[in-house]
Amino acid sequence: MSTVIWLIVSIAFLIGHTLETVWVYRDARKFKGQKYAVEAAIFVFLFPVVGLIFLMAEAESTARKSRPETTAEGILLEST
C-alpha cells in the first residue's frame, strides 16, 4: 500500500513540476523573449531534479552506513 501512495505522490509531483515549467516558459516568453524563456524553463525544470538526485544520493549513503557490514556471501563481519 505504501508503494502505491509513493507512486501517486511521485506522479503528482511530476505533473505539477511540468505544469510549473510550462507556466514559467510562457510567462518569460511573453515578457522577456524566446531566448530567455528557454533558459528560464530549463533552469526551473532542472534545479529541483538535480536537488532530488543529491537528496537521494545522501539518503542512500546514510542507509549504507547504518547497515551492518557483510561479506559477498552475506556473512556478518565482527564489529570492532
N, C-alpha and C. Protein backbone atom coordinates (compact mmCIF):
# COMPACT_ATOMS: atom_id res chain seq x y z
N MET A 1 0.82 -1.20 0.00
CA MET A 1 0.00 0.00 0.00
C MET A 1 0.87 1.26 0.00
N SER A 2 1.93 1.22 0.75
CA SER A 2 2.83 2.37 0.84
C SER A 2 3.45 2.69 -0.52
N THR A 3 3.75 1.65 -1.29
CA THR A 3 4.34 1.86 -2.61
C THR A 3 3.37 2.59 -3.53
N VAL A 4 2.10 2.26 -3.44
CA VAL A 4 1.08 2.90 -4.27
C VAL A 4 0.97 4.38 -3.91
N ILE A 5 1.02 4.69 -2.64
CA ILE A 5 0.94 6.09 -2.21
C ILE A 5 2.14 6.87 -2.74
N TRP A 6 3.34 6.30 -2.61
CA TRP A 6 4.53 6.99 -3.11
C TRP A 6 4.48 7.16 -4.62
N LEU A 7 3.93 6.18 -5.32
CA LEU A 7 3.79 6.28 -6.77
C LEU A 7 2.85 7.42 -7.14
N ILE A 8 1.74 7.53 -6.44
CA ILE A 8 0.78 8.62 -6.69
C ILE A 8 1.41 9.97 -6.39
N VAL A 9 2.13 10.07 -5.28
CA VAL A 9 2.80 11.33 -4.93
C VAL A 9 3.84 11.69 -5.98
N SER A 10 4.59 10.71 -6.46
CA SER A 10 5.62 10.97 -7.48
C SER A 10 5.00 11.44 -8.78
N ILE A 11 3.92 10.81 -9.19
CA ILE A 11 3.24 11.22 -10.43
C ILE A 11 2.68 12.63 -10.28
N ALA A 12 2.08 12.93 -9.13
CA ALA A 12 1.54 14.27 -8.90
C ALA A 12 2.65 15.31 -8.92
N PHE A 13 3.81 15.00 -8.32
CA PHE A 13 4.94 15.93 -8.34
C PHE A 13 5.41 16.17 -9.77
N LEU A 14 5.52 15.11 -10.56
CA LEU A 14 5.99 15.25 -11.94
C LEU A 14 5.02 16.09 -12.77
N ILE A 15 3.73 15.86 -12.61
CA ILE A 15 2.74 16.64 -13.35
C ILE A 15 2.79 18.11 -12.92
N GLY A 16 2.82 18.35 -11.62
CA GLY A 16 2.89 19.73 -11.12
C GLY A 16 4.15 20.44 -11.55
N HIS A 17 5.25 19.73 -11.52
CA HIS A 17 6.53 20.32 -11.92
C HIS A 17 6.54 20.65 -13.41
N THR A 18 5.97 19.78 -14.23
CA THR A 18 5.89 20.04 -15.67
C THR A 18 4.99 21.25 -15.94
N LEU A 19 3.85 21.33 -15.26
CA LEU A 19 2.97 22.49 -15.44
C LEU A 19 3.66 23.78 -15.00
N GLU A 20 4.41 23.73 -13.93
CA GLU A 20 5.15 24.91 -13.47
C GLU A 20 6.18 25.35 -14.51
N THR A 21 6.86 24.38 -15.13
CA THR A 21 7.86 24.70 -16.15
C THR A 21 7.21 25.36 -17.35
N VAL A 22 6.06 24.84 -17.78
CA VAL A 22 5.34 25.43 -18.91
C VAL A 22 4.87 26.84 -18.56
N TRP A 23 4.40 27.04 -17.35
CA TRP A 23 3.93 28.35 -16.91
C TRP A 23 5.08 29.37 -16.93
N VAL A 24 6.24 28.97 -16.41
CA VAL A 24 7.41 29.87 -16.40
C VAL A 24 7.83 30.18 -17.83
N TYR A 25 7.83 29.18 -18.71
CA TYR A 25 8.23 29.39 -20.10
C TYR A 25 7.30 30.40 -20.78
N ARG A 26 6.00 30.22 -20.63
CA ARG A 26 5.04 31.13 -21.27
C ARG A 26 5.18 32.55 -20.73
N ASP A 27 5.30 32.67 -19.41
CA ASP A 27 5.45 33.99 -18.80
C ASP A 27 6.73 34.68 -19.26
N ALA A 28 7.83 33.95 -19.25
CA ALA A 28 9.12 34.54 -19.64
C ALA A 28 9.13 34.90 -21.12
N ARG A 29 8.49 34.08 -21.95
CA ARG A 29 8.45 34.38 -23.39
C ARG A 29 7.65 35.65 -23.64
N LYS A 30 6.58 35.82 -22.88
CA LYS A 30 5.74 37.00 -23.07
C LYS A 30 6.47 38.28 -22.68
N PHE A 31 7.23 38.24 -21.58
CA PHE A 31 7.82 39.46 -21.04
C PHE A 31 9.30 39.66 -21.39
N LYS A 32 10.05 38.58 -21.63
CA LYS A 32 11.49 38.71 -21.84
C LYS A 32 11.97 38.26 -23.21
N GLY A 33 11.21 37.43 -23.91
CA GLY A 33 11.65 36.95 -25.21
C GLY A 33 11.95 35.46 -25.21
N GLN A 34 12.11 34.94 -26.43
CA GLN A 34 12.26 33.50 -26.62
C GLN A 34 13.51 32.92 -25.96
N LYS A 35 14.67 33.57 -26.15
CA LYS A 35 15.92 33.03 -25.63
C LYS A 35 15.89 32.93 -24.10
N TYR A 36 15.45 33.99 -23.46
CA TYR A 36 15.36 33.99 -22.00
C TYR A 36 14.35 32.95 -21.51
N ALA A 37 13.27 32.77 -22.26
CA ALA A 37 12.23 31.82 -21.86
C ALA A 37 12.77 30.39 -21.84
N VAL A 38 13.55 30.03 -22.85
CA VAL A 38 14.12 28.68 -22.90
C VAL A 38 15.08 28.48 -21.73
N GLU A 39 15.94 29.45 -21.47
CA GLU A 39 16.88 29.35 -20.35
C GLU A 39 16.15 29.23 -19.02
N ALA A 40 15.11 30.04 -18.84
CA ALA A 40 14.36 30.01 -17.59
C ALA A 40 13.65 28.67 -17.40
N ALA A 41 13.07 28.15 -18.47
CA ALA A 41 12.36 26.87 -18.37
C ALA A 41 13.33 25.73 -18.06
N ILE A 42 14.48 25.74 -18.68
CA ILE A 42 15.48 24.69 -18.40
C ILE A 42 15.93 24.78 -16.94
N PHE A 43 16.19 25.99 -16.46
CA PHE A 43 16.62 26.16 -15.08
C PHE A 43 15.54 25.70 -14.10
N VAL A 44 14.30 26.12 -14.35
CA VAL A 44 13.20 25.77 -13.45
C VAL A 44 12.97 24.27 -13.44
N PHE A 45 13.14 23.61 -14.58
CA PHE A 45 12.93 22.16 -14.63
C PHE A 45 14.08 21.40 -13.98
N LEU A 46 15.31 21.81 -14.26
CA LEU A 46 16.46 21.03 -13.80
C LEU A 46 16.85 21.28 -12.35
N PHE A 47 16.60 22.47 -11.84
CA PHE A 47 17.04 22.79 -10.48
C PHE A 47 16.46 21.82 -9.44
N PRO A 48 15.15 21.59 -9.38
CA PRO A 48 14.63 20.63 -8.40
C PRO A 48 15.05 19.19 -8.70
N VAL A 49 15.19 18.84 -9.98
CA VAL A 49 15.59 17.48 -10.33
C VAL A 49 16.99 17.20 -9.82
N VAL A 50 17.90 18.13 -10.02
CA VAL A 50 19.28 17.95 -9.52
C VAL A 50 19.27 17.89 -7.99
N GLY A 51 18.47 18.72 -7.37
CA GLY A 51 18.36 18.68 -5.91
C GLY A 51 17.86 17.34 -5.41
N LEU A 52 16.88 16.77 -6.09
CA LEU A 52 16.37 15.45 -5.70
C LEU A 52 17.42 14.37 -5.88
N ILE A 53 18.22 14.48 -6.93
CA ILE A 53 19.28 13.50 -7.14
C ILE A 53 20.27 13.53 -5.97
N PHE A 54 20.65 14.74 -5.55
CA PHE A 54 21.57 14.85 -4.41
C PHE A 54 20.93 14.33 -3.12
N LEU A 55 19.65 14.62 -2.91
CA LEU A 55 18.97 14.11 -1.72
C LEU A 55 18.90 12.59 -1.71
N MET A 56 18.60 11.99 -2.86
CA MET A 56 18.52 10.53 -2.93
C MET A 56 19.89 9.91 -2.71
N ALA A 57 20.93 10.53 -3.25
CA ALA A 57 22.29 10.01 -3.05
C ALA A 57 22.68 10.06 -1.57
N GLU A 58 22.33 11.14 -0.91
CA GLU A 58 22.63 11.26 0.52
C GLU A 58 21.85 10.24 1.34
N ALA A 59 20.59 10.03 0.99
CA ALA A 59 19.78 9.04 1.70
C ALA A 59 20.35 7.63 1.52
N GLU A 60 20.78 7.32 0.31
CA GLU A 60 21.38 6.01 0.06
C GLU A 60 22.68 5.84 0.83
N SER A 61 23.49 6.89 0.87
CA SER A 61 24.75 6.85 1.62
C SER A 61 24.49 6.62 3.11
N THR A 62 23.50 7.31 3.65
CA THR A 62 23.16 7.14 5.06
C THR A 62 22.65 5.73 5.33
N ALA A 63 21.85 5.19 4.42
CA ALA A 63 21.33 3.83 4.60
C ALA A 63 22.47 2.81 4.56
N ARG A 64 23.44 3.03 3.70
CA ARG A 64 24.57 2.10 3.63
C ARG A 64 25.40 2.15 4.91
N LYS A 65 25.57 3.33 5.47
CA LYS A 65 26.37 3.46 6.69
C LYS A 65 25.69 2.79 7.88
N SER A 66 24.36 2.77 7.89
CA SER A 66 23.65 2.20 9.03
C SER A 66 23.49 0.69 8.92
N ARG A 67 23.74 0.11 7.75
CA ARG A 67 23.66 -1.34 7.57
C ARG A 67 24.88 -2.02 8.16
N PRO A 68 24.70 -3.21 8.73
CA PRO A 68 25.88 -3.94 9.21
C PRO A 68 26.73 -4.42 8.03
N GLU A 69 28.03 -4.47 8.24
CA GLU A 69 28.93 -4.89 7.17
C GLU A 69 28.87 -6.40 7.00
N THR A 70 28.77 -6.85 5.73
CA THR A 70 28.75 -8.28 5.43
C THR A 70 29.71 -8.55 4.29
N THR A 71 30.09 -9.81 4.15
CA THR A 71 30.93 -10.21 3.02
C THR A 71 30.04 -10.43 1.81
N ALA A 72 30.65 -10.76 0.68
CA ALA A 72 29.90 -11.01 -0.54
C ALA A 72 28.94 -12.19 -0.38
N GLU A 73 29.29 -13.13 0.50
CA GLU A 73 28.44 -14.30 0.72
C GLU A 73 27.33 -14.02 1.72
N GLY A 74 27.33 -12.84 2.30
CA GLY A 74 26.30 -12.47 3.26
C GLY A 74 26.65 -12.81 4.70
N ILE A 75 27.91 -13.12 4.98
CA ILE A 75 28.35 -13.45 6.33
C ILE A 75 28.61 -12.14 7.08
N LEU A 76 28.00 -12.01 8.24
CA LEU A 76 28.15 -10.79 9.03
C LEU A 76 29.57 -10.70 9.60
N LEU A 77 30.22 -9.57 9.37
CA LEU A 77 31.57 -9.35 9.90
C LEU A 77 31.49 -8.85 11.34
N GLU A 78 32.50 -9.18 12.12
CA GLU A 78 32.54 -8.72 13.50
C GLU A 78 32.85 -7.23 13.53
N SER A 79 32.16 -6.52 14.38
CA SER A 79 32.46 -5.10 14.54
C SER A 79 33.48 -4.94 15.65
N THR A 80 34.43 -4.04 15.45
CA THR A 80 35.48 -3.86 16.45
C THR A 80 35.26 -2.60 17.25
